[in-house]
Every structure is written in structure tokens, then in C-alpha cells.
């Protein structure tokens, strides 16, 4: 976890909040919403986008809807409606966490989800049963491969780089939290 969650404090009272308080994307959020609401927005963004968040495994749209309602205390669609204000910080926060391995697993998970949606939208009938059965039988192999990739990432701590790949901004020491 890049920033320690301390819910008994405003975001600005935490070490991460103090450190980030004066960077441009955060100033934009604070200026737009004021200290109190901006604190909730910052906590909400962290809960949505932190790879280690309690909510990390929720489907993205469900997660955003839940966090907007329960933590930011706004109507669903708030973050999307204020994308011009929050997007720079979301992008920065994602860069702070990103490694080559995380980018790879993110792509992998996207393809697995696309596959699931494709299967969900197929009707099981005489024309499709062979394709569907084959895809379902292959699912175990795909999930096992994903599990293996995740174990390698965990074992490496997500920090080893191969082939001259670029370090994340956090790993490079450009951002410290």
C-alpha cells in the first residue's frame, strides 16, 4: 500500500496527504472541492485505484459506485462528471504504483474479462455448443496460468525488471510516500 489508510484522520493529516498536498493534481482537487470534501475524494480515489485496496477485486464500475456512495458521500457519476479535476491525480497515482509486471497482469485480466463477457453473450445451441464447451474446458488452464503469473509477481515483489524495462516513478525515487 503506497499510502497508509488512517480513516480517523482527514487525508491532509496523514503522511501521504502532507507529502502530496502541494503537488498540482492534488491542489486542483482541493481548490475545486474545499478541504473536507477533497479529503473524501482523495480517500475515495485511493480506495478505487490502490492495487492493495480492500476493494481491489471488485468490478471497476461497481467499485466506483460503492466508493462514491459510501466514502465520498456523493451521487454515482460524481467522479466521471468531475473527470477534468480528478483525472490528473488518478493518472499520477496509477503511475506511482505501476511496474512492468503490474501492467502485464492488468492486460491479462482485461483479456480474461473480455473472454468472460464473450462467453456470457453466446447462446448455447447446436451451432455454438462445441465452441462454448471448448472455451469452458480451456478456462481452467487460463486461470492456472494467471495464478502462476500472480505468484511470480508476488515472489518478485513486483519490483524486478527484465530487459531494461522502465522503473515506476516510485521505484525511481521521483515520488516518495
C-alpha atoms as a PDB file:
ATOM      1  CA  UNK A   1       0.000   0.000   0.000  1.00  0.00           C
ATOM      2  CA  UNK A   2       1.535   3.285  -1.065  1.00  0.00           C
ATOM      3  CA  UNK A   3      -0.366   5.448   1.392  1.00  0.00           C
ATOM      4  CA  UNK A   4      -1.367   4.195   4.808  1.00  0.00           C
ATOM      5  CA  UNK A   5      -5.092   4.358   5.360  1.00  0.00           C
ATOM      6  CA  UNK A   6      -5.905   6.310   8.513  1.00  0.00           C
ATOM      7  CA  UNK A   7      -9.643   6.885   8.388  1.00  0.00           C
ATOM      8  CA  UNK A   8      -9.751   8.596  11.747  1.00  0.00           C
ATOM      9  CA  UNK A   9      -7.869  11.476  10.116  1.00  0.00           C
ATOM     10  CA  UNK A  10      -8.557  13.674   7.141  1.00  0.00           C
ATOM     11  CA  UNK A  11      -6.418  12.838   4.145  1.00  0.00           C
ATOM     12  CA  UNK A  12      -4.433  16.028   4.773  1.00  0.00           C
ATOM     13  CA  UNK A  13      -3.406  14.875   8.283  1.00  0.00           C
ATOM     14  CA  UNK A  14      -1.772  11.662   7.029  1.00  0.00           C
ATOM     15  CA  UNK A  15       1.857  11.377   5.965  1.00  0.00           C
ATOM     16  CA  UNK A  16       0.769  10.751   2.378  1.00  0.00           C
ATOM     17  CA  UNK A  17      -1.587  13.713   2.429  1.00  0.00           C
ATOM     18  CA  UNK A  18       1.061  16.003   3.869  1.00  0.00           C
ATOM     19  CA  UNK A  19       3.547  14.841   1.250  1.00  0.00           C
ATOM     20  CA  UNK A  20       1.153  15.189  -1.688  1.00  0.00           C
ATOM     21  CA  UNK A  21      -0.720  18.283  -0.509  1.00  0.00           C
ATOM     22  CA  UNK A  22       1.141  20.771  -2.706  1.00  0.00           C
ATOM     23  CA  UNK A  23       1.510  18.878  -5.963  1.00  0.00           C
ATOM     24  CA  UNK A  24      -0.546  20.286  -8.844  1.00  0.00           C
ATOM     25  CA  UNK A  25      -3.091  17.445  -9.317  1.00  0.00           C
ATOM     26  CA  UNK A  26      -3.895  17.447  -5.591  1.00  0.00           C
ATOM     27  CA  UNK A  27      -4.086  21.240  -5.366  1.00  0.00           C
ATOM     28  CA  UNK A  28      -6.593  21.139  -8.240  1.00  0.00           C
ATOM     29  CA  UNK A  29      -8.831  18.726  -6.265  1.00  0.00           C
ATOM     30  CA  UNK A  30      -8.513  20.711  -3.012  1.00  0.00           C
ATOM     31  CA  UNK A  31      -9.247  24.019  -4.735  1.00  0.00           C
ATOM     32  CA  UNK A  32     -12.270  22.591  -6.557  1.00  0.00           C
ATOM     33  CA  UNK A  33     -13.964  20.889  -3.597  1.00  0.00           C
ATOM     34  CA  UNK A  34     -12.576  22.503  -0.445  1.00  0.00           C
ATOM     35  CA  UNK A  35     -10.574  20.747   2.291  1.00  0.00           C
ATOM     36  CA  UNK A  36     -13.271  18.466   3.721  1.00  0.00           C
ATOM     37  CA  UNK A  37     -14.830  17.151   0.515  1.00  0.00           C
ATOM     38  CA  UNK A  38     -11.423  16.969  -1.199  1.00  0.00           C
ATOM     39  CA  UNK A  39     -10.230  14.742   1.657  1.00  0.00           C
ATOM     40  CA  UNK A  40     -13.102  12.326   0.974  1.00  0.00           C
ATOM     41  CA  UNK A  41     -12.404  12.493  -2.774  1.00  0.00           C
ATOM     42  CA  UNK A  42      -8.733  11.664  -2.176  1.00  0.00           C
ATOM     43  CA  UNK A  43      -9.605   8.721   0.108  1.00  0.00           C
ATOM     44  CA  UNK A  44     -12.131   7.569  -2.497  1.00  0.00           C
ATOM     45  CA  UNK A  45      -9.601   7.671  -5.327  1.00  0.00           C
ATOM     46  CA  UNK A  46      -7.143   5.668  -3.235  1.00  0.00           C
ATOM     47  CA  UNK A  47      -9.790   3.070  -2.383  1.00  0.00           C
ATOM     48  CA  UNK A  48     -10.737   2.718  -6.038  1.00  0.00           C
ATOM     49  CA  UNK A  49      -7.288   2.678  -7.635  1.00  0.00           C
ATOM     50  CA  UNK A  50      -4.914   1.290  -4.986  1.00  0.00           C
ATOM     51  CA  UNK A  51      -3.802  -2.204  -6.067  1.00  0.00           C
ATOM     52  CA  UNK A  52      -3.839  -3.239  -2.399  1.00  0.00           C
ATOM     53  CA  UNK A  53      -7.199  -1.686  -1.527  1.00  0.00           C
ATOM     54  CA  UNK A  54      -9.773  -3.794   0.274  1.00  0.00           C
ATOM     55  CA  UNK A  55     -11.926  -3.217  -2.816  1.00  0.00           C
ATOM     56  CA  UNK A  56      -9.266  -4.064  -5.420  1.00  0.00           C
ATOM     57  CA  UNK A  57     -11.025  -7.210  -6.629  1.00  0.00           C
ATOM     58  CA  UNK A  58     -14.433  -5.626  -7.200  1.00  0.00           C
ATOM     59  CA  UNK A  59     -15.559  -4.941 -10.755  1.00  0.00           C
ATOM     60  CA  UNK A  60     -14.480  -1.366 -11.533  1.00  0.00           C
ATOM     61  CA  UNK A  61     -17.917   0.199 -12.142  1.00  0.00           C
ATOM     62  CA  UNK A  62     -19.399  -1.459  -9.034  1.00  0.00           C
ATOM     63  CA  UNK A  63     -16.405  -0.331  -7.007  1.00  0.00           C
ATOM     64  CA  UNK A  64     -16.698   3.279  -8.172  1.00  0.00           C
ATOM     65  CA  UNK A  65     -20.431   3.327  -7.463  1.00  0.00           C
ATOM     66  CA  UNK A  66     -19.904   1.883  -3.967  1.00  0.00           C
ATOM     67  CA  UNK A  67     -16.984   4.190  -3.051  1.00  0.00           C
ATOM     68  CA  UNK A  68     -18.793   7.293  -4.332  1.00  0.00           C
ATOM     69  CA  UNK A  69     -21.819   6.488  -2.166  1.00  0.00           C
ATOM     70  CA  UNK A  70     -20.176   5.125   0.992  1.00  0.00           C
ATOM     71  CA  UNK A  71     -16.885   7.026   1.247  1.00  0.00           C
ATOM     72  CA  UNK A  72     -17.036  10.161  -0.857  1.00  0.00           C
ATOM     73  CA  UNK A  73     -20.729  10.608   0.073  1.00  0.00           C
ATOM     74  CA  UNK A  74     -21.799  11.784  -3.383  1.00  0.00           C
ATOM     75  CA  UNK A  75     -24.150  10.546  -6.084  1.00  0.00           C
ATOM     76  CA  UNK A  76     -22.907   7.919  -8.518  1.00  0.00           C
ATOM     77  CA  UNK A  77     -21.287   9.590 -11.517  1.00  0.00           C
ATOM     78  CA  UNK A  78     -19.541  12.277  -9.443  1.00  0.00           C
ATOM     79  CA  UNK A  79     -16.012  11.206 -10.410  1.00  0.00           C
ATOM     80  CA  UNK A  80     -16.933  10.912 -14.073  1.00  0.00           C
ATOM     81  CA  UNK A  81     -18.644  14.326 -14.017  1.00  0.00           C
ATOM     82  CA  UNK A  82     -15.507  15.797 -12.400  1.00  0.00           C
ATOM     83  CA  UNK A  83     -13.029  13.861 -14.505  1.00  0.00           C
ATOM     84  CA  UNK A  84     -11.296  17.075 -15.600  1.00  0.00           C
ATOM     85  CA  UNK A  85     -10.496  17.753 -11.925  1.00  0.00           C
ATOM     86  CA  UNK A  86      -9.577  14.257 -10.681  1.00  0.00           C
ATOM     87  CA  UNK A  87      -8.025  12.556 -13.732  1.00  0.00           C
ATOM     88  CA  UNK A  88      -4.518  14.016 -13.321  1.00  0.00           C
ATOM     89  CA  UNK A  89      -4.250  12.668  -9.775  1.00  0.00           C
ATOM     90  CA  UNK A  90      -5.702   9.286 -10.775  1.00  0.00           C
ATOM     91  CA  UNK A  91      -3.111   9.039 -13.547  1.00  0.00           C
ATOM     92  CA  UNK A  92      -0.291  10.058 -11.184  1.00  0.00           C
ATOM     93  CA  UNK A  93      -1.429   7.600  -8.511  1.00  0.00           C
ATOM     94  CA  UNK A  94      -1.558   4.771 -11.061  1.00  0.00           C
ATOM     95  CA  UNK A  95       1.955   5.670 -12.239  1.00  0.00           C
ATOM     96  CA  UNK A  96       3.192   5.627  -8.644  1.00  0.00           C
ATOM     97  CA  UNK A  97       2.088   2.002  -8.324  1.00  0.00           C
ATOM     98  CA  UNK A  98       2.886   0.691 -11.770  1.00  0.00           C
ATOM     99  CA  UNK A  99       5.594  -1.789 -12.613  1.00  0.00           C
ATOM    100  CA  UNK A 100       6.120  -3.777 -15.779  1.00  0.00           C
ATOM    101  CA  UNK A 101       4.661  -6.851 -14.090  1.00  0.00           C
ATOM    102  CA  UNK A 102       1.546  -4.972 -12.974  1.00  0.00           C
ATOM    103  CA  UNK A 103       0.991  -3.618 -16.476  1.00  0.00           C
ATOM    104  CA  UNK A 104       1.241  -7.171 -17.809  1.00  0.00           C
ATOM    105  CA  UNK A 105      -1.232  -8.656 -15.330  1.00  0.00           C
ATOM    106  CA  UNK A 106      -3.604  -5.734 -15.951  1.00  0.00           C
ATOM    107  CA  UNK A 107      -3.599  -6.575 -19.686  1.00  0.00           C
ATOM    108  CA  UNK A 108      -4.040 -10.267 -18.876  1.00  0.00           C
ATOM    109  CA  UNK A 109      -7.018  -9.568 -16.588  1.00  0.00           C
ATOM    110  CA  UNK A 110      -8.624  -7.378 -19.252  1.00  0.00           C
ATOM    111  CA  UNK A 111      -8.409 -10.177 -21.811  1.00  0.00           C
ATOM    112  CA  UNK A 112      -9.795 -12.749 -19.353  1.00  0.00           C
ATOM    113  CA  UNK A 113     -12.715 -10.383 -18.624  1.00  0.00           C
ATOM    114  CA  UNK A 114     -13.297  -9.848 -22.383  1.00  0.00           C
ATOM    115  CA  UNK A 115     -13.381 -13.637 -22.760  1.00  0.00           C
ATOM    116  CA  UNK A 116     -15.906 -13.958 -19.933  1.00  0.00           C
ATOM    117  CA  UNK A 117     -18.175 -11.317 -21.488  1.00  0.00           C
ATOM    118  CA  UNK A 118     -17.910 -13.041 -24.861  1.00  0.00           C
ATOM    119  CA  UNK A 119     -18.962 -16.349 -23.293  1.00  0.00           C
ATOM    120  CA  UNK A 120     -21.818 -14.677 -21.414  1.00  0.00           C
ATOM    121  CA  UNK A 121     -23.196 -13.311 -24.652  1.00  0.00           C
ATOM    122  CA  UNK A 122     -23.156 -16.612 -26.551  1.00  0.00           C
ATOM    123  CA  UNK A 123     -26.344 -18.640 -26.678  1.00  0.00           C
ATOM    124  CA  UNK A 124     -25.832 -22.333 -26.054  1.00  0.00           C
ATOM    125  CA  UNK A 125     -27.313 -24.097 -29.061  1.00  0.00           C
ATOM    126  CA  UNK A 126     -26.495 -26.637 -31.776  1.00  0.00           C
ATOM    127  CA  UNK A 127     -24.318 -24.117 -33.624  1.00  0.00           C
ATOM    128  CA  UNK A 128     -22.270 -22.898 -30.648  1.00  0.00           C
ATOM    129  CA  UNK A 129     -22.065 -25.772 -28.170  1.00  0.00           C
ATOM    130  CA  UNK A 130     -18.673 -27.048 -29.419  1.00  0.00           C
ATOM    131  CA  UNK A 131     -17.033 -23.616 -29.162  1.00  0.00           C
ATOM    132  CA  UNK A 132     -18.549 -22.927 -25.744  1.00  0.00           C
ATOM    133  CA  UNK A 133     -17.573 -26.352 -24.371  1.00  0.00           C
ATOM    134  CA  UNK A 134     -14.012 -25.954 -25.641  1.00  0.00           C
ATOM    135  CA  UNK A 135     -13.739 -22.455 -24.141  1.00  0.00           C
ATOM    136  CA  UNK A 136     -15.108 -23.630 -20.791  1.00  0.00           C
ATOM    137  CA  UNK A 137     -12.641 -26.532 -20.689  1.00  0.00           C
ATOM    138  CA  UNK A 138      -9.777 -24.150 -21.512  1.00  0.00           C
ATOM    139  CA  UNK A 139     -10.824 -21.788 -18.695  1.00  0.00           C
ATOM    140  CA  UNK A 140      -9.042 -23.876 -16.048  1.00  0.00           C
ATOM    141  CA  UNK A 141      -5.768 -23.665 -17.960  1.00  0.00           C
ATOM    142  CA  UNK A 142      -6.127 -19.905 -18.423  1.00  0.00           C
ATOM    143  CA  UNK A 143      -6.918 -19.347 -14.732  1.00  0.00           C
ATOM    144  CA  UNK A 144      -3.973 -21.553 -13.697  1.00  0.00           C
ATOM    145  CA  UNK A 145      -1.656 -19.510 -15.921  1.00  0.00           C
ATOM    146  CA  UNK A 146      -2.971 -16.290 -14.385  1.00  0.00           C
ATOM    147  CA  UNK A 147      -2.395 -17.693 -10.898  1.00  0.00           C
ATOM    148  CA  UNK A 148       1.183 -18.554 -11.876  1.00  0.00           C
ATOM    149  CA  UNK A 149       1.796 -15.037 -13.171  1.00  0.00           C
ATOM    150  CA  UNK A 150       0.384 -13.523  -9.960  1.00  0.00           C
ATOM    151  CA  UNK A 151       2.626 -15.784  -7.849  1.00  0.00           C
ATOM    152  CA  UNK A 152       5.689 -14.690  -9.826  1.00  0.00           C
ATOM    153  CA  UNK A 153       4.745 -11.052  -9.333  1.00  0.00           C
ATOM    154  CA  UNK A 154       4.212 -11.609  -5.601  1.00  0.00           C
ATOM    155  CA  UNK A 155       7.504 -13.526  -5.289  1.00  0.00           C
ATOM    156  CA  UNK A 156       9.358 -10.731  -7.059  1.00  0.00           C
ATOM    157  CA  UNK A 157       7.557  -8.100  -5.056  1.00  0.00           C
ATOM    158  CA  UNK A 158       6.625  -6.517  -8.372  1.00  0.00           C
ATOM    159  CA  UNK A 159       9.991  -4.781  -8.448  1.00  0.00           C
ATOM    160  CA  UNK A 160      12.366  -6.860 -10.581  1.00  0.00           C
ATOM    161  CA  UNK A 161      12.836  -5.575 -14.073  1.00  0.00           C
ATOM    162  CA  UNK A 162      13.985  -7.564 -17.064  1.00  0.00           C
ATOM    163  CA  UNK A 163      15.222  -6.428 -20.432  1.00  0.00           C
ATOM    164  CA  UNK A 164      15.814  -2.804 -19.459  1.00  0.00           C
ATOM    165  CA  UNK A 165      12.193  -2.067 -18.660  1.00  0.00           C
ATOM    166  CA  UNK A 166      11.388   1.272 -17.056  1.00  0.00           C
ATOM    167  CA  UNK A 167      11.088   1.583 -13.289  1.00  0.00           C
ATOM    168  CA  UNK A 168       7.934   3.075 -11.824  1.00  0.00           C
ATOM    169  CA  UNK A 169       8.102   6.681 -10.594  1.00  0.00           C
ATOM    170  CA  UNK A 170       8.023   5.421  -7.003  1.00  0.00           C
ATOM    171  CA  UNK A 171      10.837   2.930  -7.607  1.00  0.00           C
ATOM    172  CA  UNK A 172      12.900   5.660  -9.250  1.00  0.00           C
ATOM    173  CA  UNK A 173      12.521   7.793  -6.136  1.00  0.00           C
ATOM    174  CA  UNK A 174      10.717  10.582  -8.015  1.00  0.00           C
ATOM    175  CA  UNK A 175       7.777  10.224  -5.645  1.00  0.00           C
ATOM    176  CA  UNK A 176       8.014   9.166  -2.034  1.00  0.00           C
ATOM    177  CA  UNK A 177       5.113   8.338   0.234  1.00  0.00           C
END
